Amino acid sequence: MRILVAEENTYVTEILKSMLEKHRYTVDTVRSGEDALGYLSQMEYDALVAGLELSDADEISVLVKIRELGFSTPILFLTARKEPDERAAILDAGADDCLSVPFSVCELLARVRALTRRGPFYAPPVLSFGNTRLACSSYLLSSPTRQIRLNNKEYQLMELLLRSPGQIFSTEHLMEKIWGLETDADIDVVWTYIGFLRKKLRLLCSDIGIRTVRGAGYILEKRDAMP
């Protein structure tokens, strides 16, 4: 899943980015509300984590503008405000949830998970297709006979494919969704990681596979449906 973090404090940004990436999220970061709007217009995010203060406008106007422009991305707002009416104003402006600072790592992650469950791309704790399962909390890909732990990008790619088996994903879409707008990686990295996943599916004796659709992209399907 891809998270956008909007926070002007570089130190806080790095903490949030490290924390989320450790738990297999892909993270883009911006330092202002205006930049957040630009990223939301270019990329589909599973959640926006908005920081303590945004440099170019107050949080209320930024939230209102995000919603006025039609972005439905779930928003978790981190705030130092304690008064109920101030927090209510943030929620009324468009935030889906508020989290007081300082906060615990486990609560932040739980709230992010809750937001993404309510979003349009809800992923249950375990994704399954055919005889193959992906545990989203432990990053274990398994079959009835074996299990393999996936690394960060493998997990994100497999999760995306398992959400929509039978759907063709272009190389460009996978590149943007998994590696993001700021990556220095070459687009061939998609083919490389598809290869990694194919090998692991074979090791699991999985009855599903990733097929290349010439000129279109990749599709996850049952092996008996693959040419």
C-alpha atoms as a PDB file:
ATOM      1  CA  MET A   1       0.000   0.000   0.000  1.00  0.00           C
ATOM      2  CA  ARG A   2       1.152   3.541  -0.748  1.00  0.00           C
ATOM      3  CA  ILE A   3       1.036   6.311   1.870  1.00  0.00           C
ATOM      4  CA  LEU A   4       1.604  10.036   1.351  1.00  0.00           C
ATOM      5  CA  VAL A   5       3.107  11.887   4.334  1.00  0.00           C
ATOM      6  CA  ALA A   6       2.670  15.676   4.409  1.00  0.00           C
ATOM      7  CA  GLU A   7       4.849  17.234   7.121  1.00  0.00           C
ATOM      8  CA  GLU A   8       7.102  20.291   7.098  1.00  0.00           C
ATOM      9  CA  ASN A   9       9.416  19.065   9.880  1.00  0.00           C
ATOM     10  CA  THR A  10      12.170  17.005   8.231  1.00  0.00           C
ATOM     11  CA  TYR A  11      12.959  15.074  11.418  1.00  0.00           C
ATOM     12  CA  VAL A  12       9.327  14.055  11.951  1.00  0.00           C
ATOM     13  CA  THR A  13       9.021  13.173   8.260  1.00  0.00           C
ATOM     14  CA  GLU A  14      11.990  10.797   8.431  1.00  0.00           C
ATOM     15  CA  ILE A  15      10.594   9.105  11.550  1.00  0.00           C
ATOM     16  CA  LEU A  16       7.190   8.579   9.923  1.00  0.00           C
ATOM     17  CA  LYS A  17       8.729   7.385   6.669  1.00  0.00           C
ATOM     18  CA  SER A  18      11.033   4.908   8.415  1.00  0.00           C
ATOM     19  CA  MET A  19       8.236   3.641  10.645  1.00  0.00           C
ATOM     20  CA  LEU A  20       5.807   3.050   7.769  1.00  0.00           C
ATOM     21  CA  GLU A  21       8.384   1.539   5.419  1.00  0.00           C
ATOM     22  CA  LYS A  22       9.432  -0.893   8.129  1.00  0.00           C
ATOM     23  CA  HIS A  23       5.862  -2.204   8.012  1.00  0.00           C
ATOM     24  CA  ARG A  24       5.903  -2.672   4.224  1.00  0.00           C
ATOM     25  CA  TYR A  25       4.223   0.549   3.128  1.00  0.00           C
ATOM     26  CA  THR A  26       5.543   2.533   0.188  1.00  0.00           C
ATOM     27  CA  VAL A  27       5.914   6.140   1.327  1.00  0.00           C
ATOM     28  CA  ASP A  28       6.137   9.432  -0.543  1.00  0.00           C
ATOM     29  CA  THR A  29       6.810  12.612   1.443  1.00  0.00           C
ATOM     30  CA  VAL A  30       5.987  16.291   0.883  1.00  0.00           C
ATOM     31  CA  ARG A  31       6.554  19.381   3.008  1.00  0.00           C
ATOM     32  CA  SER A  32       3.474  21.444   2.211  1.00  0.00           C
ATOM     33  CA  GLY A  33      -0.225  21.183   1.544  1.00  0.00           C
ATOM     34  CA  GLU A  34       0.252  22.482  -1.985  1.00  0.00           C
ATOM     35  CA  ASP A  35       2.765  19.725  -2.721  1.00  0.00           C
ATOM     36  CA  ALA A  36       0.355  17.189  -1.237  1.00  0.00           C
ATOM     37  CA  LEU A  37      -2.315  18.320  -3.695  1.00  0.00           C
ATOM     38  CA  GLY A  38       0.152  17.917  -6.550  1.00  0.00           C
ATOM     39  CA  TYR A  39       1.043  14.369  -5.529  1.00  0.00           C
ATOM     40  CA  LEU A  40      -2.602  13.398  -5.003  1.00  0.00           C
ATOM     41  CA  SER A  41      -3.364  14.551  -8.544  1.00  0.00           C
ATOM     42  CA  GLN A  42      -0.611  12.333  -9.982  1.00  0.00           C
ATOM     43  CA  MET A  43      -0.800   9.191  -7.863  1.00  0.00           C
ATOM     44  CA  GLU A  44      -3.459   7.067  -6.186  1.00  0.00           C
ATOM     45  CA  TYR A  45      -2.708   6.784  -2.450  1.00  0.00           C
ATOM     46  CA  ASP A  46      -4.243   4.431   0.093  1.00  0.00           C
ATOM     47  CA  ALA A  47      -3.947   7.062   2.848  1.00  0.00           C
ATOM     48  CA  LEU A  48      -2.590  10.532   3.591  1.00  0.00           C
ATOM     49  CA  VAL A  49      -0.868  11.142   6.920  1.00  0.00           C
ATOM     50  CA  ALA A  50      -0.873  14.911   7.429  1.00  0.00           C
ATOM     51  CA  GLY A  51       1.599  16.321   9.938  1.00  0.00           C
ATOM     52  CA  LEU A  52       1.517  18.729  12.810  1.00  0.00           C
ATOM     53  CA  GLU A  53       1.718  21.921  10.772  1.00  0.00           C
ATOM     54  CA  LEU A  54       1.701  22.547   7.058  1.00  0.00           C
ATOM     55  CA  SER A  55       3.926  25.386   5.939  1.00  0.00           C
ATOM     56  CA  ASP A  56       1.865  27.043   3.224  1.00  0.00           C
ATOM     57  CA  ALA A  57      -1.563  27.205   4.852  1.00  0.00           C
ATOM     58  CA  ASP A  58      -3.404  26.217   8.001  1.00  0.00           C
ATOM     59  CA  GLU A  59      -4.581  22.651   8.180  1.00  0.00           C
ATOM     60  CA  ILE A  60      -8.270  23.494   7.891  1.00  0.00           C
ATOM     61  CA  SER A  61      -7.940  25.196   4.496  1.00  0.00           C
ATOM     62  CA  VAL A  62      -5.698  22.424   3.153  1.00  0.00           C
ATOM     63  CA  LEU A  63      -8.178  19.731   4.164  1.00  0.00           C
ATOM     64  CA  VAL A  64     -11.091  21.663   2.691  1.00  0.00           C
ATOM     65  CA  LYS A  65      -9.251  22.123  -0.605  1.00  0.00           C
ATOM     66  CA  ILE A  66      -8.350  18.415  -0.823  1.00  0.00           C
ATOM     67  CA  ARG A  67     -12.016  17.468  -0.478  1.00  0.00           C
ATOM     68  CA  GLU A  68     -13.292  20.274  -2.726  1.00  0.00           C
ATOM     69  CA  LEU A  69     -11.048  18.985  -5.504  1.00  0.00           C
ATOM     70  CA  GLY A  70     -12.679  15.587  -5.195  1.00  0.00           C
ATOM     71  CA  PHE A  71      -9.871  13.559  -3.601  1.00  0.00           C
ATOM     72  CA  SER A  72     -11.360  10.782  -1.465  1.00  0.00           C
ATOM     73  CA  THR A  73      -8.046   9.552  -0.033  1.00  0.00           C
ATOM     74  CA  PRO A  74      -8.470   8.633   3.674  1.00  0.00           C
ATOM     75  CA  ILE A  75      -6.688  11.227   5.844  1.00  0.00           C
ATOM     76  CA  LEU A  76      -5.122  10.721   9.263  1.00  0.00           C
ATOM     77  CA  PHE A  77      -4.272  14.084  10.809  1.00  0.00           C
ATOM     78  CA  LEU A  78      -1.565  14.327  13.469  1.00  0.00           C
ATOM     79  CA  THR A  79      -2.311  17.216  15.765  1.00  0.00           C
ATOM     80  CA  ALA A  80      -1.153  18.808  18.991  1.00  0.00           C
ATOM     81  CA  ARG A  81      -4.568  20.399  19.477  1.00  0.00           C
ATOM     82  CA  LYS A  82      -6.387  19.077  22.517  1.00  0.00           C
ATOM     83  CA  GLU A  83      -9.633  21.043  22.600  1.00  0.00           C
ATOM     84  CA  PRO A  84     -12.630  19.023  21.362  1.00  0.00           C
ATOM     85  CA  ASP A  85     -13.943  21.877  19.190  1.00  0.00           C
ATOM     86  CA  GLU A  86     -10.551  22.252  17.469  1.00  0.00           C
ATOM     87  CA  ARG A  87     -10.332  18.537  16.720  1.00  0.00           C
ATOM     88  CA  ALA A  88     -13.962  18.541  15.563  1.00  0.00           C
ATOM     89  CA  ALA A  89     -13.122  21.338  13.113  1.00  0.00           C
ATOM     90  CA  ILE A  90     -10.319  19.226  11.633  1.00  0.00           C
ATOM     91  CA  LEU A  91     -12.669  16.276  11.174  1.00  0.00           C
ATOM     92  CA  ASP A  92     -15.405  18.488   9.715  1.00  0.00           C
ATOM     93  CA  ALA A  93     -12.914  19.963   7.240  1.00  0.00           C
ATOM     94  CA  GLY A  94     -12.253  16.547   5.718  1.00  0.00           C
ATOM     95  CA  ALA A  95      -9.958  14.469   7.924  1.00  0.00           C
ATOM     96  CA  ASP A  96     -11.126  10.920   8.611  1.00  0.00           C
ATOM     97  CA  ASP A  97      -9.280  10.597  11.913  1.00  0.00           C
ATOM     98  CA  CYS A  98      -7.127  12.614  14.319  1.00  0.00           C
ATOM     99  CA  LEU A  99      -4.210  11.327  16.351  1.00  0.00           C
ATOM    100  CA  SER A 100      -2.775  13.357  19.215  1.00  0.00           C
ATOM    101  CA  VAL A 101       0.958  13.909  19.529  1.00  0.00           C
ATOM    102  CA  PRO A 102       2.991  12.459  21.013  1.00  0.00           C
ATOM    103  CA  PHE A 103       1.692   9.089  19.803  1.00  0.00           C
ATOM    104  CA  SER A 104       2.767   5.468  19.988  1.00  0.00           C
ATOM    105  CA  VAL A 105       3.972   3.575  16.948  1.00  0.00           C
ATOM    106  CA  CYS A 106       1.423   0.809  17.445  1.00  0.00           C
ATOM    107  CA  GLU A 107      -1.487   3.267  17.600  1.00  0.00           C
ATOM    108  CA  LEU A 108      -0.347   5.123  14.478  1.00  0.00           C
ATOM    109  CA  LEU A 109      -0.076   1.861  12.538  1.00  0.00           C
ATOM    110  CA  ALA A 110      -3.448   0.642  13.827  1.00  0.00           C
ATOM    111  CA  ARG A 111      -5.127   3.872  12.718  1.00  0.00           C
ATOM    112  CA  VAL A 112      -3.495   3.690   9.287  1.00  0.00           C
ATOM    113  CA  ARG A 113      -4.714   0.092   8.930  1.00  0.00           C
ATOM    114  CA  ALA A 114      -8.204   1.150   9.987  1.00  0.00           C
ATOM    115  CA  LEU A 115      -8.267   3.933   7.389  1.00  0.00           C
ATOM    116  CA  THR A 116      -7.118   1.680   4.572  1.00  0.00           C
ATOM    117  CA  ARG A 117      -9.741  -0.902   5.533  1.00  0.00           C
ATOM    118  CA  ARG A 118     -12.422   1.762   5.081  1.00  0.00           C
ATOM    119  CA  GLY A 119     -10.964   2.950   1.795  1.00  0.00           C
ATOM    120  CA  PRO A 120     -11.781   1.670  -1.699  1.00  0.00           C
ATOM    121  CA  PHE A 121      -8.869  -0.775  -1.626  1.00  0.00           C
ATOM    122  CA  TYR A 122      -9.612  -2.724   1.540  1.00  0.00           C
ATOM    123  CA  ALA A 123      -7.339  -5.690   1.992  1.00  0.00           C
ATOM    124  CA  PRO A 124      -8.286  -8.297   4.615  1.00  0.00           C
ATOM    125  CA  PRO A 125      -5.621  -9.635   7.022  1.00  0.00           C
ATOM    126  CA  VAL A 126      -5.100 -12.644   4.732  1.00  0.00           C
ATOM    127  CA  LEU A 127      -5.367 -12.508   0.938  1.00  0.00           C
ATOM    128  CA  SER A 128      -5.928 -15.791  -0.866  1.00  0.00           C
ATOM    129  CA  PHE A 129      -6.255 -17.076  -4.398  1.00  0.00           C
ATOM    130  CA  GLY A 130      -6.173 -20.710  -5.403  1.00  0.00           C
ATOM    131  CA  ASN A 131      -4.131 -22.646  -2.846  1.00  0.00           C
ATOM    132  CA  THR A 132      -1.965 -19.626  -2.023  1.00  0.00           C
ATOM    133  CA  ARG A 133      -2.295 -17.209   0.900  1.00  0.00           C
ATOM    134  CA  LEU A 134      -0.555 -13.959   1.825  1.00  0.00           C
ATOM    135  CA  ALA A 135      -0.601 -12.980   5.514  1.00  0.00           C
ATOM    136  CA  CYS A 136      -0.521  -9.185   5.515  1.00  0.00           C
ATOM    137  CA  SER A 137       0.736  -8.891   9.094  1.00  0.00           C
ATOM    138  CA  SER A 138       3.695 -11.269   8.760  1.00  0.00           C
ATOM    139  CA  TYR A 139       4.413 -10.969   4.980  1.00  0.00           C
ATOM    140  CA  LEU A 140       4.326 -14.760   4.649  1.00  0.00           C
ATOM    141  CA  LEU A 141       3.329 -16.233   1.303  1.00  0.00           C
ATOM    142  CA  SER A 142       2.172 -19.804   1.803  1.00  0.00           C
ATOM    143  CA  SER A 143       0.668 -22.895   0.241  1.00  0.00           C
ATOM    144  CA  PRO A 144      -0.628 -26.020   2.023  1.00  0.00           C
ATOM    145  CA  THR A 145       2.929 -27.426   2.083  1.00  0.00           C
ATOM    146  CA  ARG A 146       5.287 -24.480   2.597  1.00  0.00           C
ATOM    147  CA  GLN A 147       5.679 -20.801   3.422  1.00  0.00           C
ATOM    148  CA  ILE A 148       8.126 -18.086   2.362  1.00  0.00           C
ATOM    149  CA  ARG A 149       8.618 -14.625   3.845  1.00  0.00           C
ATOM    150  CA  LEU A 150       8.609 -11.869   1.216  1.00  0.00           C
ATOM    151  CA  ASN A 151      10.796  -8.788   1.270  1.00  0.00           C
ATOM    152  CA  ASN A 152       9.313  -5.288   1.121  1.00  0.00           C
ATOM    153  CA  LYS A 153       8.820  -4.818  -2.632  1.00  0.00           C
ATOM    154  CA  GLU A 154       7.912  -8.474  -3.217  1.00  0.00           C
ATOM    155  CA  TYR A 155       5.186  -8.168  -0.596  1.00  0.00           C
ATOM    156  CA  GLN A 156       3.775  -4.941  -2.037  1.00  0.00           C
ATOM    157  CA  LEU A 157       3.725  -6.361  -5.548  1.00  0.00           C
ATOM    158  CA  MET A 158       2.135  -9.655  -4.478  1.00  0.00           C
ATOM    159  CA  GLU A 159      -0.443  -7.840  -2.365  1.00  0.00           C
ATOM    160  CA  LEU A 160      -1.455  -5.666  -5.314  1.00  0.00           C
ATOM    161  CA  LEU A 161      -1.820  -8.668  -7.623  1.00  0.00           C
ATOM    162  CA  LEU A 162      -3.761 -10.693  -5.045  1.00  0.00           C
ATOM    163  CA  ARG A 163      -6.259  -7.890  -4.527  1.00  0.00           C
ATOM    164  CA  SER A 164      -7.285  -8.126  -8.171  1.00  0.00           C
ATOM    165  CA  PRO A 165      -6.584 -11.565  -9.656  1.00  0.00           C
ATOM    166  CA  GLY A 166      -7.499 -11.644 -13.307  1.00  0.00           C
ATOM    167  CA  GLN A 167      -6.768  -7.946 -13.791  1.00  0.00           C
ATOM    168  CA  ILE A 168      -3.988  -6.867 -16.152  1.00  0.00           C
ATOM    169  CA  PHE A 169      -1.521  -4.400 -14.636  1.00  0.00           C
ATOM    170  CA  SER A 170       0.740  -2.448 -16.966  1.00  0.00           C
ATOM    171  CA  THR A 171       4.448  -2.219 -16.195  1.00  0.00           C
ATOM    172  CA  GLU A 172       4.076   1.553 -15.835  1.00  0.00           C
ATOM    173  CA  HIS A 173       1.248   1.204 -13.308  1.00  0.00           C
ATOM    174  CA  LEU A 174       3.220  -1.271 -11.213  1.00  0.00           C
ATOM    175  CA  MET A 175       6.267   0.982 -11.361  1.00  0.00           C
ATOM    176  CA  GLU A 176       4.325   4.012 -10.136  1.00  0.00           C
ATOM    177  CA  LYS A 177       2.334   2.120  -7.506  1.00  0.00           C
ATOM    178  CA  ILE A 178       5.236   0.188  -5.948  1.00  0.00           C
ATOM    179  CA  TRP A 179       8.330   2.298  -6.616  1.00  0.00           C
ATOM    180  CA  GLY A 180       6.735   5.744  -6.726  1.00  0.00           C
ATOM    181  CA  LEU A 181       7.289   9.067  -8.401  1.00  0.00           C
ATOM    182  CA  GLU A 182      10.729   9.800  -6.977  1.00  0.00           C
ATOM    183  CA  THR A 183      12.492   6.512  -7.638  1.00  0.00           C
ATOM    184  CA  ASP A 184      15.826   6.272  -9.428  1.00  0.00           C
ATOM    185  CA  ALA A 185      15.114   2.653 -10.343  1.00  0.00           C
ATOM    186  CA  ASP A 186      14.858   1.632 -13.984  1.00  0.00           C
ATOM    187  CA  ILE A 187      11.507   0.265 -15.171  1.00  0.00           C
ATOM    188  CA  ASP A 188      13.208  -3.129 -15.678  1.00  0.00           C
ATOM    189  CA  VAL A 189      13.005  -3.518 -11.890  1.00  0.00           C
ATOM    190  CA  VAL A 190       9.350  -4.531 -12.360  1.00  0.00           C
ATOM    191  CA  TRP A 191      10.351  -7.472 -14.573  1.00  0.00           C
ATOM    192  CA  THR A 192      13.037  -8.432 -12.033  1.00  0.00           C
ATOM    193  CA  TYR A 193      10.588  -8.581  -9.125  1.00  0.00           C
ATOM    194  CA  ILE A 194       7.974 -10.396 -11.192  1.00  0.00           C
ATOM    195  CA  GLY A 195      10.709 -12.992 -11.743  1.00  0.00           C
ATOM    196  CA  PHE A 196      11.382 -13.215  -8.002  1.00  0.00           C
ATOM    197  CA  LEU A 197       7.686 -13.828  -7.288  1.00  0.00           C
ATOM    198  CA  ARG A 198       7.353 -16.411 -10.054  1.00  0.00           C
ATOM    199  CA  LYS A 199      10.254 -18.358  -8.571  1.00  0.00           C
ATOM    200  CA  LYS A 200       8.737 -18.259  -5.091  1.00  0.00           C
ATOM    201  CA  LEU A 201       5.329 -19.351  -6.355  1.00  0.00           C
ATOM    202  CA  ARG A 202       6.987 -22.346  -8.026  1.00  0.00           C
ATOM    203  CA  LEU A 203       8.861 -23.186  -4.812  1.00  0.00           C
ATOM    204  CA  LEU A 204       5.524 -23.190  -2.992  1.00  0.00           C
ATOM    205  CA  CYS A 205       4.000 -25.495  -5.606  1.00  0.00           C
ATOM    206  CA  SER A 206       1.357 -22.804  -5.971  1.00  0.00           C
ATOM    207  CA  ASP A 207      -1.506 -23.368  -8.403  1.00  0.00           C
ATOM    208  CA  ILE A 208      -1.427 -19.681  -9.417  1.00  0.00           C
ATOM    209  CA  GLY A 209       1.057 -17.803 -11.547  1.00  0.00           C
ATOM    210  CA  ILE A 210       1.898 -14.405 -13.038  1.00  0.00           C
ATOM    211  CA  ARG A 211       1.447 -14.361 -16.793  1.00  0.00           C
ATOM    212  CA  THR A 212       2.930 -11.792 -19.137  1.00  0.00           C
ATOM    213  CA  VAL A 213       0.332 -10.341 -21.512  1.00  0.00           C
ATOM    214  CA  ARG A 214       2.333  -9.131 -24.478  1.00  0.00           C
ATOM    215  CA  GLY A 215       2.040  -5.385 -24.961  1.00  0.00           C
ATOM    216  CA  ALA A 216      -0.242  -4.988 -21.926  1.00  0.00           C
ATOM    217  CA  GLY A 217       1.424  -6.074 -18.687  1.00  0.00           C
ATOM    218  CA  TYR A 218       0.991  -8.825 -16.105  1.00  0.00           C
ATOM    219  CA  ILE A 219      -1.938 -10.813 -14.761  1.00  0.00           C
ATOM    220  CA  LEU A 220      -2.295 -13.169 -11.777  1.00  0.00           C
ATOM    221  CA  GLU A 221      -4.341 -16.243 -12.634  1.00  0.00           C
ATOM    222  CA  LYS A 222      -4.802 -19.962 -12.023  1.00  0.00           C
ATOM    223  CA  ARG A 223      -2.182 -22.088 -13.752  1.00  0.00           C
ATOM    224  CA  ASP A 224      -4.823 -24.125 -15.578  1.00  0.00           C
ATOM    225  CA  ALA A 225      -5.921 -20.865 -17.238  1.00  0.00           C
ATOM    226  CA  MET A 226      -2.393 -19.952 -18.345  1.00  0.00           C
ATOM    227  CA  PRO A 227      -1.395 -20.744 -21.928  1.00  0.00           C
END
